[in-house]
Amino acid sequence: MEISCKTIQGLTNLKQRRNSQDTYSIENYEGITSICVCDGAGFSDYGALAAKEVSKTVSKFMIDSYYCWDCKCIKRKISDSIECKLLKIAKKEGIEYANLASTIIGLCLKDNGEINMLHLGDGQVFAKRRFSDEIYYLSSAQNGIFKNQTYLTGSDQFPQNLRVYDSFKDPGYEYLYIMTDGGNELLFHPDKEQIQFQDIDALFDNNMFLKDDCTVIKIKL
């Protein structure tokens, strides 16, 4: 397994001299790899802090829970763990809990090809199969009434909108991708009928610019 990671600071934040709100965390233990990507909410000055703490919490939790992946139980336990962590930070730092807002995408993979996955809010998880250029979406963005609305930590809607998927086996994927919503500019380009994977891989080029922050994780299986 090979993992490539890239975070691009969007032009909007560059102009406003704001740091990227995206964070990722990777854990490895005895043949298990856990990856969590979080996108802190742009409306909050503490979105990056939330993303950092949540990504570390989720990546470690997914490693610890790999062999007991019961969706209903995992959903309750990880929600409680994240809420407890963020409430402690809010109290210590004097921050409103609602400002510790972030999306979550977590993947946990084992050498035998079994995959566990969870997702809160927007962003995408998709795959490329061997000998095919078609995009296979494994988990898509979950938005509210408007496209710029999504579900985040720090809200009452967080626990019930956290999606925890049943374990599944790799059916012949060559690559898995995790991408925050800044990459939608590529995935849903109005001038292209079909997105090519070389367009996505171009994000790893240092000269690539996007409107919004984007983190992409590419996993070669």
Protein backbone atom coordinates (compact mmCIF):
# COMPACT_ATOMS: atom_id res chain seq x y z
CA MET A 1 0.00 0.00 0.00
CA GLU A 2 1.30 3.45 -0.98
CA ILE A 3 -0.25 6.69 0.32
CA SER A 4 0.22 10.12 -1.27
CA CYS A 5 -1.13 13.26 0.42
CA LYS A 6 -1.58 16.80 -0.84
CA THR A 7 -3.19 19.88 0.70
CA ILE A 8 -3.73 22.92 -1.51
CA GLN A 9 -4.50 26.30 0.01
CA GLY A 10 -7.36 27.79 -1.98
CA LEU A 11 -7.08 31.16 -3.70
CA THR A 12 -9.87 32.55 -1.50
CA ASN A 13 -7.91 31.90 1.70
CA LEU A 14 -4.66 33.05 0.10
CA LYS A 15 -6.21 36.42 -0.72
CA GLN A 16 -7.59 36.72 2.83
CA ARG A 17 -4.28 35.46 4.29
CA ARG A 18 -6.05 32.65 6.09
CA ASN A 19 -4.48 29.26 6.64
CA SER A 20 -6.00 26.10 5.20
CA GLN A 21 -8.70 24.55 7.39
CA ASP A 22 -7.97 21.03 6.10
CA THR A 23 -6.12 18.44 8.20
CA TYR A 24 -5.40 14.75 7.87
CA SER A 25 -4.05 12.09 10.23
CA ILE A 26 -2.61 8.66 9.43
CA GLU A 27 -2.10 5.81 11.89
CA ASN A 28 -0.49 2.39 11.35
CA TYR A 29 -0.60 -0.66 13.61
CA GLU A 30 0.11 -4.32 12.82
CA GLY A 31 -0.92 -4.23 9.18
CA ILE A 32 -3.85 -1.84 9.71
CA THR A 33 -3.75 1.69 8.26
CA SER A 34 -6.21 4.36 9.35
CA ILE A 35 -6.63 7.67 7.49
CA CYS A 36 -8.85 10.54 8.56
CA VAL A 37 -9.35 13.76 6.59
CA CYS A 38 -11.19 16.70 8.14
CA ASP A 39 -12.21 20.06 6.69
CA GLY A 40 -12.72 22.74 9.31
CA ALA A 41 -15.68 25.07 8.80
CA GLY A 42 -14.77 28.31 7.05
CA PHE A 43 -17.25 30.34 9.13
CA SER A 44 -15.29 29.66 12.33
CA ASP A 45 -11.89 30.89 13.48
CA TYR A 46 -11.52 27.50 15.20
CA GLY A 47 -12.35 25.24 12.27
CA ALA A 48 -8.70 24.25 11.80
CA LEU A 49 -8.40 23.40 15.51
CA ALA A 50 -11.51 21.22 15.33
CA ALA A 51 -10.25 19.46 12.20
CA LYS A 52 -6.87 18.74 13.78
CA GLU A 53 -8.30 17.27 16.99
CA VAL A 54 -11.06 15.31 15.27
CA SER A 55 -8.71 13.78 12.68
CA LYS A 56 -6.37 12.49 15.41
CA THR A 57 -9.26 11.16 17.48
CA VAL A 58 -10.92 9.35 14.56
CA SER A 59 -7.78 7.81 13.07
CA LYS A 60 -6.79 6.31 16.44
CA PHE A 61 -10.36 5.18 17.18
CA MET A 62 -10.65 3.38 13.84
CA ILE A 63 -7.43 1.45 14.49
CA ASP A 64 -8.62 0.44 17.96
CA SER A 65 -12.07 -0.58 16.66
CA TYR A 66 -11.04 -2.41 13.50
CA TYR A 67 -11.86 -5.92 14.74
CA CYS A 68 -15.16 -4.96 16.37
CA TRP A 69 -16.74 -2.87 13.61
CA ASP A 70 -20.43 -2.91 14.43
CA CYS A 71 -21.97 0.12 12.68
CA LYS A 72 -24.57 1.04 15.29
CA CYS A 73 -22.15 0.65 18.18
CA ILE A 74 -19.31 2.43 16.35
CA LYS A 75 -21.55 5.37 15.46
CA ARG A 76 -22.48 5.91 19.10
CA LYS A 77 -18.98 5.42 20.48
CA ILE A 78 -17.13 7.60 17.98
CA SER A 79 -19.75 10.37 18.27
CA ASP A 80 -19.42 10.32 22.06
CA SER A 81 -15.62 10.31 21.84
CA ILE A 82 -15.52 13.29 19.46
CA GLU A 83 -18.10 15.29 21.40
CA CYS A 84 -16.26 14.66 24.68
CA LYS A 85 -12.96 15.77 23.13
CA LEU A 86 -14.39 18.95 21.61
CA LEU A 87 -16.36 19.91 24.74
CA LYS A 88 -13.15 19.68 26.79
CA ILE A 89 -11.36 21.91 24.30
CA ALA A 90 -14.25 24.39 24.26
CA LYS A 91 -14.21 24.63 28.06
CA LYS A 92 -10.43 24.91 28.31
CA GLU A 93 -10.08 27.53 25.56
CA GLY A 94 -13.27 29.45 26.28
CA ILE A 95 -14.69 28.64 22.85
CA GLU A 96 -18.32 28.05 21.92
CA TYR A 97 -18.78 24.37 21.13
CA ALA A 98 -20.55 25.25 17.88
CA ASN A 99 -17.36 26.88 16.58
CA LEU A 100 -15.47 23.57 16.74
CA ALA A 101 -17.00 22.55 13.43
CA SER A 102 -15.50 20.14 10.93
CA THR A 103 -16.38 17.48 8.38
CA ILE A 104 -14.96 13.95 8.73
CA ILE A 105 -13.91 11.23 6.30
CA GLY A 106 -12.29 8.15 7.80
CA LEU A 107 -10.96 5.01 6.11
CA CYS A 108 -9.35 2.02 7.79
CA LEU A 109 -7.69 -0.63 5.62
CA LYS A 110 -6.03 -3.96 6.24
CA ASP A 111 -3.58 -5.84 4.05
CA ASN A 112 -6.28 -8.43 3.29
CA GLY A 113 -8.32 -5.77 1.45
CA GLU A 114 -11.05 -5.28 4.07
CA ILE A 115 -12.12 -1.64 4.46
CA ASN A 116 -14.03 0.23 7.19
CA MET A 117 -15.35 3.71 6.44
CA LEU A 118 -17.21 6.60 8.04
CA HIS A 119 -18.22 10.03 6.73
CA LEU A 120 -19.75 13.24 8.05
CA GLY A 121 -20.66 16.14 5.79
CA ASP A 122 -19.24 16.94 2.37
CA GLY A 123 -16.17 15.64 0.57
CA GLN A 124 -15.90 12.45 -1.46
CA VAL A 125 -14.48 8.93 -1.30
CA PHE A 126 -14.07 7.27 -4.68
CA ALA A 127 -12.10 4.53 -6.36
CA LYS A 128 -10.44 3.60 -9.63
CA ARG A 129 -10.65 -0.01 -10.70
CA ARG A 130 -7.89 -1.73 -12.60
CA PHE A 131 -8.16 -1.32 -16.38
CA SER A 132 -10.89 1.32 -16.05
CA ASP A 133 -11.01 5.13 -15.96
CA GLU A 134 -14.52 5.26 -14.51
CA ILE A 135 -14.99 6.87 -11.10
CA TYR A 136 -16.72 4.65 -8.53
CA TYR A 137 -18.14 6.71 -5.67
CA LEU A 138 -17.98 4.95 -2.31
CA SER A 139 -19.30 7.88 -0.25
CA SER A 140 -20.51 11.24 -1.55
CA ALA A 141 -21.12 14.66 -0.04
CA GLN A 142 -24.12 15.08 2.24
CA ASN A 143 -25.49 18.60 1.98
CA GLY A 144 -28.41 20.48 3.47
CA ILE A 145 -31.10 22.35 1.57
CA PHE A 146 -28.43 24.44 -0.15
CA LYS A 147 -25.25 23.07 -1.75
CA ASN A 148 -23.02 25.17 0.50
CA GLN A 149 -24.60 23.66 3.63
CA THR A 150 -23.37 20.44 5.17
CA TYR A 151 -23.23 18.54 8.47
CA LEU A 152 -20.43 19.25 10.92
CA THR A 153 -19.14 18.41 14.36
CA GLY A 154 -20.12 20.93 17.01
CA SER A 155 -23.83 20.69 16.17
CA ASP A 156 -26.84 18.74 17.44
CA GLN A 157 -27.14 17.18 13.98
CA PHE A 158 -23.69 15.63 14.10
CA PRO A 159 -24.37 12.19 15.69
CA GLN A 160 -27.41 11.24 13.61
CA ASN A 161 -25.79 12.37 10.35
CA LEU A 162 -22.51 10.53 10.84
CA ARG A 163 -22.51 7.74 8.24
CA VAL A 164 -20.79 4.52 9.35
CA TYR A 165 -20.59 1.89 6.62
CA ASP A 166 -20.50 -1.88 6.91
CA SER A 167 -17.07 -3.42 6.34
CA PHE A 168 -16.48 -4.32 2.71
CA LYS A 169 -13.82 -6.06 0.65
CA ASP A 170 -11.81 -4.41 -2.10
CA PRO A 171 -13.43 -5.75 -5.32
CA GLY A 172 -10.44 -5.00 -7.52
CA TYR A 173 -9.72 -1.34 -6.85
CA GLU A 174 -6.36 -0.03 -7.98
CA TYR A 175 -6.60 3.31 -6.17
CA LEU A 176 -8.77 4.85 -3.46
CA TYR A 177 -9.12 8.62 -3.16
CA ILE A 178 -10.30 10.82 -0.30
CA MET A 179 -11.00 14.42 -1.30
CA THR A 180 -12.39 17.42 0.59
CA ASP A 181 -15.03 19.57 -1.07
CA GLY A 182 -12.50 21.99 -2.58
CA GLY A 183 -11.85 19.32 -5.20
CA ASN A 184 -15.43 19.51 -6.48
CA GLU A 185 -14.13 22.14 -8.90
CA LEU A 186 -12.40 19.25 -10.69
CA LEU A 187 -14.90 16.46 -10.11
CA PHE A 188 -17.90 18.39 -11.39
CA HIS A 189 -16.34 20.64 -14.01
CA PRO A 190 -19.16 22.02 -16.23
CA ASP A 191 -17.02 21.88 -19.39
CA LYS A 192 -16.13 18.19 -19.09
CA GLU A 193 -18.49 15.30 -19.77
CA GLN A 194 -16.31 12.82 -17.91
CA ILE A 195 -13.59 13.48 -15.37
CA GLN A 196 -10.29 11.75 -16.06
CA PHE A 197 -8.11 10.50 -13.24
CA GLN A 198 -5.17 12.47 -14.62
CA ASP A 199 -7.19 15.62 -13.79
CA ILE A 200 -7.35 14.50 -10.16
CA ASP A 201 -3.72 13.40 -10.08
CA ALA A 202 -2.79 16.87 -11.33
CA LEU A 203 -3.62 18.11 -7.82
CA PHE A 204 -0.25 16.73 -6.77
CA ASP A 205 1.39 19.24 -9.12
CA ASN A 206 2.64 22.23 -7.11
CA ASN A 207 1.38 24.58 -9.82
CA MET A 208 -2.28 23.56 -9.44
CA PHE A 209 -4.60 26.26 -8.10
CA LEU A 210 -8.18 25.91 -6.90
CA LYS A 211 -10.72 28.40 -5.56
CA ASP A 212 -11.15 26.59 -2.21
CA ASP A 213 -8.84 24.61 0.05
CA CYS A 214 -8.52 21.01 -1.03
CA THR A 215 -6.91 17.93 0.49
CA VAL A 216 -6.61 14.75 -1.56
CA ILE A 217 -5.31 11.41 -0.30
CA LYS A 218 -4.41 8.84 -2.96
CA ILE A 219 -4.04 5.23 -1.82
CA LYS A 220 -2.46 2.71 -4.15
CA LEU A 221 -3.65 -0.75 -3.13
